[in-house]
Amino acid sequence: MYTGRDIAKVLELIAPLESGVPGDELGFIFGDPDQQVTGVGCTWCAHARSIQLCADQGLNMIICHEGIRMPEQRSPWYDGPKTAEEIVSNRVQSELLTKHKMVVYRSHSNWDALPGNGVADQAVAALQIEGLKTVARQKFFSVQEIPRPMTVRELKSYVDRGLDYTSCRIFGDSTKLVRRFSFLIGGFGENQFHMPQAARDMGAEALIIGEMSEFIVIAALEMGIPVIETLHSVRNPRYQTPSGTAGASPPGPSRPLHPQRRRHVRLEQVN
């Protein structure tokens, strides 16, 4: 048997915590890291249904990408819950995690930044466009060149199929021919105000985003950049398991509990 810390050591060989954004919430965020692990569930978001699914399969460790608590908010716009304990979502999650004696580990910006197997590069790979070429890169996104010009509408068709999500929306000219695009993962289209301009300055002619701020999209359109909107969750299409990453392996054998991957949840049992 292995502890949560044993599992974390393997993850941190692949995606060191220091490779993430300073101040980001990374590492263990709930439970006892020294408890024996019966199995691991890898989730995008550890919400109540994900927690219960893991518990139903006998798993007591969750590796999540997003945090597990809604933040407290003091706002002049409404009267609401005054403490973290009053936030119903937080209470439901905490009660489930405590009931099932779960330990939770968060891998966020360090996994976004991971070359190749990280979220940013895997999002691009999920589109399955043959012959893509990286022409510019920052730590958390890149600009990709397509072998031939295609319309934004055709690019959206790759997004639909690659992310298995057919409710994507196009803002701007869907008939525009583009050769270069940038894939701004997760919440970058909602909370990183000038990332679209940075992508444009690196050569992007179209953007794919997750969560959307209408103001950011308007700014992109004012720069002549069409935008394909998806969702935060589908923009984070997959985690690569440690055993599938060169240079590291789990501390012992593991087997998938199910041959298929449920959306946003991958279940592993530690033997």
C-alpha atoms as a PDB file:
ATOM      1  CA  MET A   1       0.000   0.000   0.000  1.00  0.00           C
ATOM      2  CA  TYR A   2       1.062   3.549  -0.611  1.00  0.00           C
ATOM      3  CA  THR A   3       0.257   6.839   1.029  1.00  0.00           C
ATOM      4  CA  GLY A   4      -0.962  10.038  -0.547  1.00  0.00           C
ATOM      5  CA  ARG A   5       2.549  11.434  -0.224  1.00  0.00           C
ATOM      6  CA  ASP A   6       3.913   8.490  -2.237  1.00  0.00           C
ATOM      7  CA  ILE A   7       1.480   9.272  -5.069  1.00  0.00           C
ATOM      8  CA  ALA A   8       2.301  12.974  -4.866  1.00  0.00           C
ATOM      9  CA  LYS A   9       6.034  12.293  -5.208  1.00  0.00           C
ATOM     10  CA  VAL A  10       5.414  10.634  -8.569  1.00  0.00           C
ATOM     11  CA  LEU A  11       3.210  13.491  -9.790  1.00  0.00           C
ATOM     12  CA  GLU A  12       5.770  16.058  -8.727  1.00  0.00           C
ATOM     13  CA  LEU A  13       8.513  14.282 -10.663  1.00  0.00           C
ATOM     14  CA  ILE A  14       6.371  14.949 -13.728  1.00  0.00           C
ATOM     15  CA  ALA A  15       4.946  18.376 -12.846  1.00  0.00           C
ATOM     16  CA  PRO A  16       6.910  20.008  -9.989  1.00  0.00           C
ATOM     17  CA  LEU A  17       4.869  22.362  -7.838  1.00  0.00           C
ATOM     18  CA  GLU A  18       7.418  25.121  -8.383  1.00  0.00           C
ATOM     19  CA  SER A  19       6.676  25.036 -12.123  1.00  0.00           C
ATOM     20  CA  GLY A  20       3.212  26.446 -11.413  1.00  0.00           C
ATOM     21  CA  VAL A  21       2.138  30.032 -10.817  1.00  0.00           C
ATOM     22  CA  PRO A  22       3.457  31.548  -7.557  1.00  0.00           C
ATOM     23  CA  GLY A  23       0.673  31.672  -4.993  1.00  0.00           C
ATOM     24  CA  ASP A  24      -1.500  29.114  -6.794  1.00  0.00           C
ATOM     25  CA  GLU A  25      -3.200  26.536  -4.571  1.00  0.00           C
ATOM     26  CA  LEU A  26      -1.244  23.348  -5.308  1.00  0.00           C
ATOM     27  CA  GLY A  27      -0.619  20.079  -3.513  1.00  0.00           C
ATOM     28  CA  PHE A  28      -2.719  18.609  -0.706  1.00  0.00           C
ATOM     29  CA  ILE A  29      -5.856  20.635   0.025  1.00  0.00           C
ATOM     30  CA  PHE A  30      -7.950  18.210   2.111  1.00  0.00           C
ATOM     31  CA  GLY A  31      -7.460  15.192   4.341  1.00  0.00           C
ATOM     32  CA  ASP A  32      -4.446  13.284   5.608  1.00  0.00           C
ATOM     33  CA  PRO A  33      -1.602  12.914   3.065  1.00  0.00           C
ATOM     34  CA  ASP A  34      -0.131  10.081   5.151  1.00  0.00           C
ATOM     35  CA  GLN A  35      -3.160   7.789   4.975  1.00  0.00           C
ATOM     36  CA  GLN A  36      -3.004   4.566   2.983  1.00  0.00           C
ATOM     37  CA  VAL A  37      -4.429   4.968  -0.534  1.00  0.00           C
ATOM     38  CA  THR A  38      -6.843   2.353  -1.854  1.00  0.00           C
ATOM     39  CA  GLY A  39      -7.328   4.038  -5.227  1.00  0.00           C
ATOM     40  CA  VAL A  40      -7.066   7.347  -7.049  1.00  0.00           C
ATOM     41  CA  GLY A  41      -9.712   9.294  -8.941  1.00  0.00           C
ATOM     42  CA  CYS A  42      -8.426  11.976 -11.342  1.00  0.00           C
ATOM     43  CA  THR A  43     -11.026  14.683 -11.896  1.00  0.00           C
ATOM     44  CA  TRP A  44     -11.284  18.118 -13.475  1.00  0.00           C
ATOM     45  CA  CYS A  45     -13.453  19.352 -10.600  1.00  0.00           C
ATOM     46  CA  ALA A  46     -14.081  17.480  -7.353  1.00  0.00           C
ATOM     47  CA  HIS A  47     -17.778  18.302  -7.095  1.00  0.00           C
ATOM     48  CA  ALA A  48     -20.251  16.205  -5.124  1.00  0.00           C
ATOM     49  CA  ARG A  49     -21.070  13.728  -7.915  1.00  0.00           C
ATOM     50  CA  SER A  50     -17.368  13.150  -8.690  1.00  0.00           C
ATOM     51  CA  ILE A  51     -16.621  12.590  -4.997  1.00  0.00           C
ATOM     52  CA  GLN A  52     -19.483  10.118  -4.655  1.00  0.00           C
ATOM     53  CA  LEU A  53     -18.448   8.273  -7.827  1.00  0.00           C
ATOM     54  CA  CYS A  54     -14.942   7.821  -6.417  1.00  0.00           C
ATOM     55  CA  ALA A  55     -16.326   6.666  -3.070  1.00  0.00           C
ATOM     56  CA  ASP A  56     -18.632   4.169  -4.780  1.00  0.00           C
ATOM     57  CA  GLN A  57     -15.557   2.614  -6.430  1.00  0.00           C
ATOM     58  CA  GLY A  58     -13.644   2.368  -3.151  1.00  0.00           C
ATOM     59  CA  LEU A  59     -11.186   5.160  -3.966  1.00  0.00           C
ATOM     60  CA  ASN A  60      -9.989   7.410  -1.159  1.00  0.00           C
ATOM     61  CA  MET A  61      -7.672   9.831  -2.975  1.00  0.00           C
ATOM     62  CA  ILE A  62      -8.714  12.461  -5.501  1.00  0.00           C
ATOM     63  CA  ILE A  63      -6.355  14.359  -7.772  1.00  0.00           C
ATOM     64  CA  CYS A  64      -8.260  17.386  -9.049  1.00  0.00           C
ATOM     65  CA  HIS A  65      -7.446  20.265 -11.347  1.00  0.00           C
ATOM     66  CA  GLU A  66      -9.773  22.896  -9.898  1.00  0.00           C
ATOM     67  CA  GLY A  67     -10.213  23.727  -6.228  1.00  0.00           C
ATOM     68  CA  ILE A  68     -12.864  22.178  -4.011  1.00  0.00           C
ATOM     69  CA  ARG A  69     -14.350  25.276  -2.363  1.00  0.00           C
ATOM     70  CA  MET A  70     -16.286  28.271  -3.583  1.00  0.00           C
ATOM     71  CA  PRO A  71     -14.571  31.402  -2.208  1.00  0.00           C
ATOM     72  CA  GLU A  72     -16.249  33.642   0.318  1.00  0.00           C
ATOM     73  CA  GLN A  73     -17.543  36.887  -1.156  1.00  0.00           C
ATOM     74  CA  ARG A  74     -18.355  40.240   0.365  1.00  0.00           C
ATOM     75  CA  SER A  75     -20.331  42.178  -2.192  1.00  0.00           C
ATOM     76  CA  PRO A  76     -22.362  45.391  -2.102  1.00  0.00           C
ATOM     77  CA  TRP A  77     -24.549  43.965  -4.881  1.00  0.00           C
ATOM     78  CA  TYR A  78     -26.402  41.367  -2.750  1.00  0.00           C
ATOM     79  CA  ASP A  79     -26.762  39.858   0.723  1.00  0.00           C
ATOM     80  CA  GLY A  80     -25.563  36.274   0.845  1.00  0.00           C
ATOM     81  CA  PRO A  81     -23.689  33.728   2.970  1.00  0.00           C
ATOM     82  CA  LYS A  82     -21.292  35.420   5.365  1.00  0.00           C
ATOM     83  CA  THR A  83     -18.865  32.543   6.075  1.00  0.00           C
ATOM     84  CA  ALA A  84     -17.368  29.624   4.181  1.00  0.00           C
ATOM     85  CA  GLU A  85     -19.416  27.226   6.333  1.00  0.00           C
ATOM     86  CA  GLU A  86     -22.644  28.844   5.142  1.00  0.00           C
ATOM     87  CA  ILE A  87     -21.878  28.146   1.466  1.00  0.00           C
ATOM     88  CA  VAL A  88     -23.977  25.074   0.699  1.00  0.00           C
ATOM     89  CA  SER A  89     -21.705  23.712  -2.047  1.00  0.00           C
ATOM     90  CA  ASN A  90     -18.687  23.864   0.268  1.00  0.00           C
ATOM     91  CA  ARG A  91     -20.567  22.117   3.068  1.00  0.00           C
ATOM     92  CA  VAL A  92     -21.843  19.325   0.815  1.00  0.00           C
ATOM     93  CA  GLN A  93     -18.358  18.637  -0.563  1.00  0.00           C
ATOM     94  CA  SER A  94     -16.668  18.759   2.851  1.00  0.00           C
ATOM     95  CA  GLU A  95     -19.239  16.420   4.377  1.00  0.00           C
ATOM     96  CA  LEU A  96     -18.751  13.876   1.581  1.00  0.00           C
ATOM     97  CA  LEU A  97     -14.958  14.073   1.731  1.00  0.00           C
ATOM     98  CA  THR A  98     -14.995  13.676   5.513  1.00  0.00           C
ATOM     99  CA  LYS A  99     -17.536  10.840   5.437  1.00  0.00           C
ATOM    100  CA  HIS A 100     -15.447   8.837   2.969  1.00  0.00           C
ATOM    101  CA  LYS A 101     -12.085   9.772   4.558  1.00  0.00           C
ATOM    102  CA  MET A 102     -10.773  11.246   1.327  1.00  0.00           C
ATOM    103  CA  VAL A 103      -7.471  12.969   0.718  1.00  0.00           C
ATOM    104  CA  VAL A 104      -7.454  15.559  -2.063  1.00  0.00           C
ATOM    105  CA  TYR A 105      -4.442  16.767  -4.047  1.00  0.00           C
ATOM    106  CA  ARG A 106      -4.645  19.663  -6.491  1.00  0.00           C
ATOM    107  CA  SER A 107      -2.556  19.795  -9.666  1.00  0.00           C
ATOM    108  CA  HIS A 108      -3.419  23.049 -11.424  1.00  0.00           C
ATOM    109  CA  SER A 109      -1.038  25.557 -13.006  1.00  0.00           C
ATOM    110  CA  ASN A 110       1.870  23.102 -12.783  1.00  0.00           C
ATOM    111  CA  TRP A 111      -0.106  20.686 -14.990  1.00  0.00           C
ATOM    112  CA  ASP A 112      -1.258  23.466 -17.315  1.00  0.00           C
ATOM    113  CA  ALA A 113       2.387  24.357 -17.912  1.00  0.00           C
ATOM    114  CA  LEU A 114       3.641  20.791 -18.421  1.00  0.00           C
ATOM    115  CA  PRO A 115       5.079  20.445 -21.950  1.00  0.00           C
ATOM    116  CA  GLY A 116       3.532  17.697 -24.050  1.00  0.00           C
ATOM    117  CA  ASN A 117       1.269  16.000 -21.522  1.00  0.00           C
ATOM    118  CA  GLY A 118      -0.040  19.148 -19.842  1.00  0.00           C
ATOM    119  CA  VAL A 119      -3.473  20.648 -20.392  1.00  0.00           C
ATOM    120  CA  ALA A 120      -2.397  23.339 -22.859  1.00  0.00           C
ATOM    121  CA  ASP A 121      -0.609  20.972 -25.241  1.00  0.00           C
ATOM    122  CA  GLN A 122      -3.132  18.149 -24.817  1.00  0.00           C
ATOM    123  CA  ALA A 123      -5.963  20.541 -25.702  1.00  0.00           C
ATOM    124  CA  VAL A 124      -4.264  21.248 -29.023  1.00  0.00           C
ATOM    125  CA  ALA A 125      -3.531  17.540 -29.565  1.00  0.00           C
ATOM    126  CA  ALA A 126      -7.198  16.697 -28.943  1.00  0.00           C
ATOM    127  CA  LEU A 127      -8.164  18.578 -32.126  1.00  0.00           C
ATOM    128  CA  GLN A 128      -6.327  15.957 -34.209  1.00  0.00           C
ATOM    129  CA  ILE A 129      -5.354  18.376 -36.966  1.00  0.00           C
ATOM    130  CA  GLU A 130      -2.585  16.707 -38.952  1.00  0.00           C
ATOM    131  CA  GLY A 131       0.556  18.674 -39.662  1.00  0.00           C
ATOM    132  CA  LEU A 132       0.180  21.359 -36.995  1.00  0.00           C
ATOM    133  CA  LYS A 133       3.320  23.361 -36.333  1.00  0.00           C
ATOM    134  CA  THR A 134       4.056  25.397 -33.205  1.00  0.00           C
ATOM    135  CA  VAL A 135       5.253  28.808 -34.380  1.00  0.00           C
ATOM    136  CA  ALA A 136       5.239  30.722 -31.081  1.00  0.00           C
ATOM    137  CA  ARG A 137       4.881  29.845 -27.427  1.00  0.00           C
ATOM    138  CA  GLN A 138       4.464  31.264 -23.979  1.00  0.00           C
ATOM    139  CA  LYS A 139       4.374  29.133 -20.835  1.00  0.00           C
ATOM    140  CA  PHE A 140       0.605  28.551 -20.854  1.00  0.00           C
ATOM    141  CA  PHE A 141      -0.362  28.772 -24.518  1.00  0.00           C
ATOM    142  CA  SER A 142       1.028  28.494 -28.018  1.00  0.00           C
ATOM    143  CA  VAL A 143       0.275  29.639 -31.557  1.00  0.00           C
ATOM    144  CA  GLN A 144      -0.297  26.784 -33.999  1.00  0.00           C
ATOM    145  CA  GLU A 145       0.061  26.916 -37.790  1.00  0.00           C
ATOM    146  CA  ILE A 146      -2.308  24.820 -39.909  1.00  0.00           C
ATOM    147  CA  PRO A 147      -0.842  23.183 -43.064  1.00  0.00           C
ATOM    148  CA  ARG A 148      -3.449  24.896 -45.269  1.00  0.00           C
ATOM    149  CA  PRO A 149      -5.852  27.803 -44.831  1.00  0.00           C
ATOM    150  CA  MET A 150      -9.231  26.850 -43.410  1.00  0.00           C
ATOM    151  CA  THR A 151     -12.299  28.802 -42.432  1.00  0.00           C
ATOM    152  CA  VAL A 152     -13.102  29.455 -38.795  1.00  0.00           C
ATOM    153  CA  ARG A 153     -16.196  27.296 -39.300  1.00  0.00           C
ATOM    154  CA  GLU A 154     -14.024  24.380 -40.418  1.00  0.00           C
ATOM    155  CA  LEU A 155     -11.694  24.929 -37.466  1.00  0.00           C
ATOM    156  CA  LYS A 156     -14.745  24.768 -35.199  1.00  0.00           C
ATOM    157  CA  SER A 157     -15.622  21.362 -36.671  1.00  0.00           C
ATOM    158  CA  TYR A 158     -12.273  20.045 -35.391  1.00  0.00           C
ATOM    159  CA  VAL A 159     -13.047  21.534 -31.986  1.00  0.00           C
ATOM    160  CA  ASP A 160     -16.503  19.913 -31.949  1.00  0.00           C
ATOM    161  CA  ARG A 161     -15.115  16.471 -32.750  1.00  0.00           C
ATOM    162  CA  GLY A 162     -11.889  16.699 -30.785  1.00  0.00           C
ATOM    163  CA  LEU A 163     -13.509  17.858 -27.558  1.00  0.00           C
ATOM    164  CA  ASP A 164     -16.699  15.851 -28.105  1.00  0.00           C
ATOM    165  CA  TYR A 165     -18.731  19.004 -27.550  1.00  0.00           C
ATOM    166  CA  THR A 166     -21.085  20.223 -30.248  1.00  0.00           C
ATOM    167  CA  SER A 167     -22.399  23.384 -28.568  1.00  0.00           C
ATOM    168  CA  CYS A 168     -19.384  25.530 -29.392  1.00  0.00           C
ATOM    169  CA  ARG A 169     -20.176  29.060 -30.596  1.00  0.00           C
ATOM    170  CA  ILE A 170     -18.402  31.307 -33.090  1.00  0.00           C
ATOM    171  CA  PHE A 171     -18.099  35.037 -32.552  1.00  0.00           C
ATOM    172  CA  GLY A 172     -16.941  37.039 -35.536  1.00  0.00           C
ATOM    173  CA  ASP A 173     -16.523  36.061 -39.188  1.00  0.00           C
ATOM    174  CA  SER A 174     -16.970  32.287 -39.502  1.00  0.00           C
ATOM    175  CA  THR A 175     -15.930  32.417 -43.180  1.00  0.00           C
ATOM    176  CA  LYS A 176     -12.564  34.029 -42.490  1.00  0.00           C
ATOM    177  CA  LEU A 177      -9.635  31.941 -43.764  1.00  0.00           C
ATOM    178  CA  VAL A 178      -6.956  31.435 -41.116  1.00  0.00           C
ATOM    179  CA  ARG A 179      -3.609  29.649 -40.946  1.00  0.00           C
ATOM    180  CA  ARG A 180      -2.742  30.304 -37.295  1.00  0.00           C
ATOM    181  CA  PHE A 181      -4.759  29.959 -34.101  1.00  0.00           C
ATOM    182  CA  SER A 182      -4.221  29.908 -30.361  1.00  0.00           C
ATOM    183  CA  PHE A 183      -5.957  27.666 -27.851  1.00  0.00           C
ATOM    184  CA  LEU A 184      -6.465  29.609 -24.587  1.00  0.00           C
ATOM    185  CA  ILE A 185      -7.363  26.856 -22.126  1.00  0.00           C
ATOM    186  CA  GLY A 186      -9.760  26.838 -19.187  1.00  0.00           C
ATOM    187  CA  GLY A 187     -10.671  30.255 -17.853  1.00  0.00           C
ATOM    188  CA  PHE A 188      -8.147  32.242 -19.898  1.00  0.00           C
ATOM    189  CA  GLY A 189     -10.916  33.663 -22.084  1.00  0.00           C
ATOM    190  CA  GLU A 190     -12.680  34.874 -18.957  1.00  0.00           C
ATOM    191  CA  ASN A 191     -10.031  36.089 -16.523  1.00  0.00           C
ATOM    192  CA  GLN A 192      -6.849  36.900 -18.466  1.00  0.00           C
ATOM    193  CA  PHE A 193      -7.902  40.182 -20.007  1.00  0.00           C
ATOM    194  CA  HIS A 194      -5.125  40.728 -22.551  1.00  0.00           C
ATOM    195  CA  MET A 195      -4.058  37.179 -23.388  1.00  0.00           C
ATOM    196  CA  PRO A 196      -5.957  37.385 -26.716  1.00  0.00           C
ATOM    197  CA  GLN A 197      -3.900  40.419 -27.686  1.00  0.00           C
ATOM    198  CA  ALA A 198      -0.715  38.631 -26.650  1.00  0.00           C
ATOM    199  CA  ALA A 199      -1.735  35.689 -28.864  1.00  0.00           C
ATOM    200  CA  ARG A 200      -2.492  38.059 -31.751  1.00  0.00           C
ATOM    201  CA  ASP A 201       0.890  39.722 -31.357  1.00  0.00           C
ATOM    202  CA  MET A 202       2.466  36.252 -31.615  1.00  0.00           C
ATOM    203  CA  GLY A 203       0.658  35.632 -34.908  1.00  0.00           C
ATOM    204  CA  ALA A 204      -2.733  34.099 -33.989  1.00  0.00           C
ATOM    205  CA  GLU A 205      -5.530  34.824 -36.470  1.00  0.00           C
ATOM    206  CA  ALA A 206      -8.281  33.025 -34.514  1.00  0.00           C
ATOM    207  CA  LEU A 207      -8.821  31.964 -30.904  1.00  0.00           C
ATOM    208  CA  ILE A 208     -10.339  28.989 -29.151  1.00  0.00           C
ATOM    209  CA  ILE A 209     -11.320  29.740 -25.557  1.00  0.00           C
ATOM    210  CA  GLY A 210     -13.039  28.054 -22.613  1.00  0.00           C
ATOM    211  CA  GLU A 211     -14.939  30.243 -20.182  1.00  0.00           C
ATOM    212  CA  MET A 212     -15.917  33.473 -21.888  1.00  0.00           C
ATOM    213  CA  SER A 213     -16.027  37.084 -20.818  1.00  0.00           C
ATOM    214  CA  GLU A 214     -18.069  39.006 -23.365  1.00  0.00           C
ATOM    215  CA  PHE A 215     -15.811  42.002 -22.823  1.00  0.00           C
ATOM    216  CA  ILE A 216     -12.709  39.970 -23.704  1.00  0.00           C
ATOM    217  CA  VAL A 217     -14.430  38.580 -26.807  1.00  0.00           C
ATOM    218  CA  ILE A 218     -15.428  42.099 -27.876  1.00  0.00           C
ATOM    219  CA  ALA A 219     -11.798  43.156 -27.524  1.00  0.00           C
ATOM    220  CA  ALA A 220     -10.729  40.198 -29.687  1.00  0.00           C
ATOM    221  CA  LEU A 221     -13.296  41.087 -32.355  1.00  0.00           C
ATOM    222  CA  GLU A 222     -12.077  44.674 -32.338  1.00  0.00           C
ATOM    223  CA  MET A 223      -8.644  43.267 -33.213  1.00  0.00           C
ATOM    224  CA  GLY A 224     -10.189  41.299 -36.103  1.00  0.00           C
ATOM    225  CA  ILE A 225      -9.782  37.955 -34.297  1.00  0.00           C
ATOM    226  CA  PRO A 226     -12.718  35.479 -34.526  1.00  0.00           C
ATOM    227  CA  VAL A 227     -13.384  33.471 -31.370  1.00  0.00           C
ATOM    228  CA  ILE A 228     -14.581  29.879 -30.914  1.00  0.00           C
ATOM    229  CA  GLU A 229     -16.095  29.456 -27.448  1.00  0.00           C
ATOM    230  CA  THR A 230     -16.237  26.074 -25.683  1.00  0.00           C
ATOM    231  CA  LEU A 231     -16.455  25.463 -21.906  1.00  0.00           C
ATOM    232  CA  HIS A 232     -13.850  25.515 -19.159  1.00  0.00           C
ATOM    233  CA  SER A 233     -14.267  21.808 -18.486  1.00  0.00           C
ATOM    234  CA  VAL A 234     -14.093  20.600 -22.081  1.00  0.00           C
ATOM    235  CA  ARG A 235     -11.090  22.830 -22.698  1.00  0.00           C
ATOM    236  CA  ASN A 236      -9.273  20.628 -20.150  1.00  0.00           C
ATOM    237  CA  PRO A 237      -9.779  17.420 -22.121  1.00  0.00           C
ATOM    238  CA  ARG A 238      -7.554  14.962 -20.324  1.00  0.00           C
ATOM    239  CA  TYR A 239      -4.859  14.120 -17.834  1.00  0.00           C
ATOM    240  CA  GLN A 240      -2.070  11.786 -18.881  1.00  0.00           C
ATOM    241  CA  THR A 241      -1.521   9.187 -16.171  1.00  0.00           C
ATOM    242  CA  PRO A 242       1.975   9.033 -14.643  1.00  0.00           C
ATOM    243  CA  SER A 243       2.626   5.615 -16.185  1.00  0.00           C
ATOM    244  CA  GLY A 244       2.127   7.194 -19.619  1.00  0.00           C
ATOM    245  CA  THR A 245       4.777   9.836 -19.051  1.00  0.00           C
ATOM    246  CA  ALA A 246       8.444   9.265 -19.829  1.00  0.00           C
ATOM    247  CA  GLY A 247      10.831   9.287 -16.887  1.00  0.00           C
ATOM    248  CA  ALA A 248       8.338   8.431 -14.134  1.00  0.00           C
ATOM    249  CA  SER A 249       6.142   5.562 -13.068  1.00  0.00           C
ATOM    250  CA  PRO A 250       3.645   4.944 -10.273  1.00  0.00           C
ATOM    251  CA  PRO A 251       5.006   3.514  -7.025  1.00  0.00           C
ATOM    252  CA  GLY A 252       3.272   0.242  -7.820  1.00  0.00           C
ATOM    253  CA  PRO A 253       0.974  -1.407 -10.361  1.00  0.00           C
ATOM    254  CA  SER A 254      -2.418   0.097 -11.017  1.00  0.00           C
ATOM    255  CA  ARG A 255      -5.356  -0.973 -13.121  1.00  0.00           C
ATOM    256  CA  PRO A 256      -8.241   1.089 -14.500  1.00  0.00           C
ATOM    257  CA  LEU A 257     -11.533   0.194 -12.876  1.00  0.00           C
ATOM    258  CA  HIS A 258     -13.281   0.820 -16.200  1.00  0.00           C
ATOM    259  CA  PRO A 259     -11.868   0.476 -19.712  1.00  0.00           C
ATOM    260  CA  GLN A 260     -13.553   3.723 -20.752  1.00  0.00           C
ATOM    261  CA  ARG A 261     -12.918   7.197 -19.388  1.00  0.00           C
ATOM    262  CA  ARG A 262     -15.936   8.904 -17.863  1.00  0.00           C
ATOM    263  CA  ARG A 263     -16.068  12.596 -18.721  1.00  0.00           C
ATOM    264  CA  HIS A 264     -13.732  14.466 -16.359  1.00  0.00           C
ATOM    265  CA  VAL A 265     -13.088  11.436 -14.121  1.00  0.00           C
ATOM    266  CA  ARG A 266     -10.428   8.758 -14.501  1.00  0.00           C
ATOM    267  CA  LEU A 267     -10.444   6.018 -11.884  1.00  0.00           C
ATOM    268  CA  GLU A 268      -7.375   4.048 -10.844  1.00  0.00           C
ATOM    269  CA  GLN A 269      -7.008   1.390  -8.152  1.00  0.00           C
ATOM    270  CA  VAL A 270      -3.705   0.963  -6.341  1.00  0.00           C
ATOM    271  CA  ASN A 271      -2.813  -2.645  -5.605  1.00  0.00           C
END
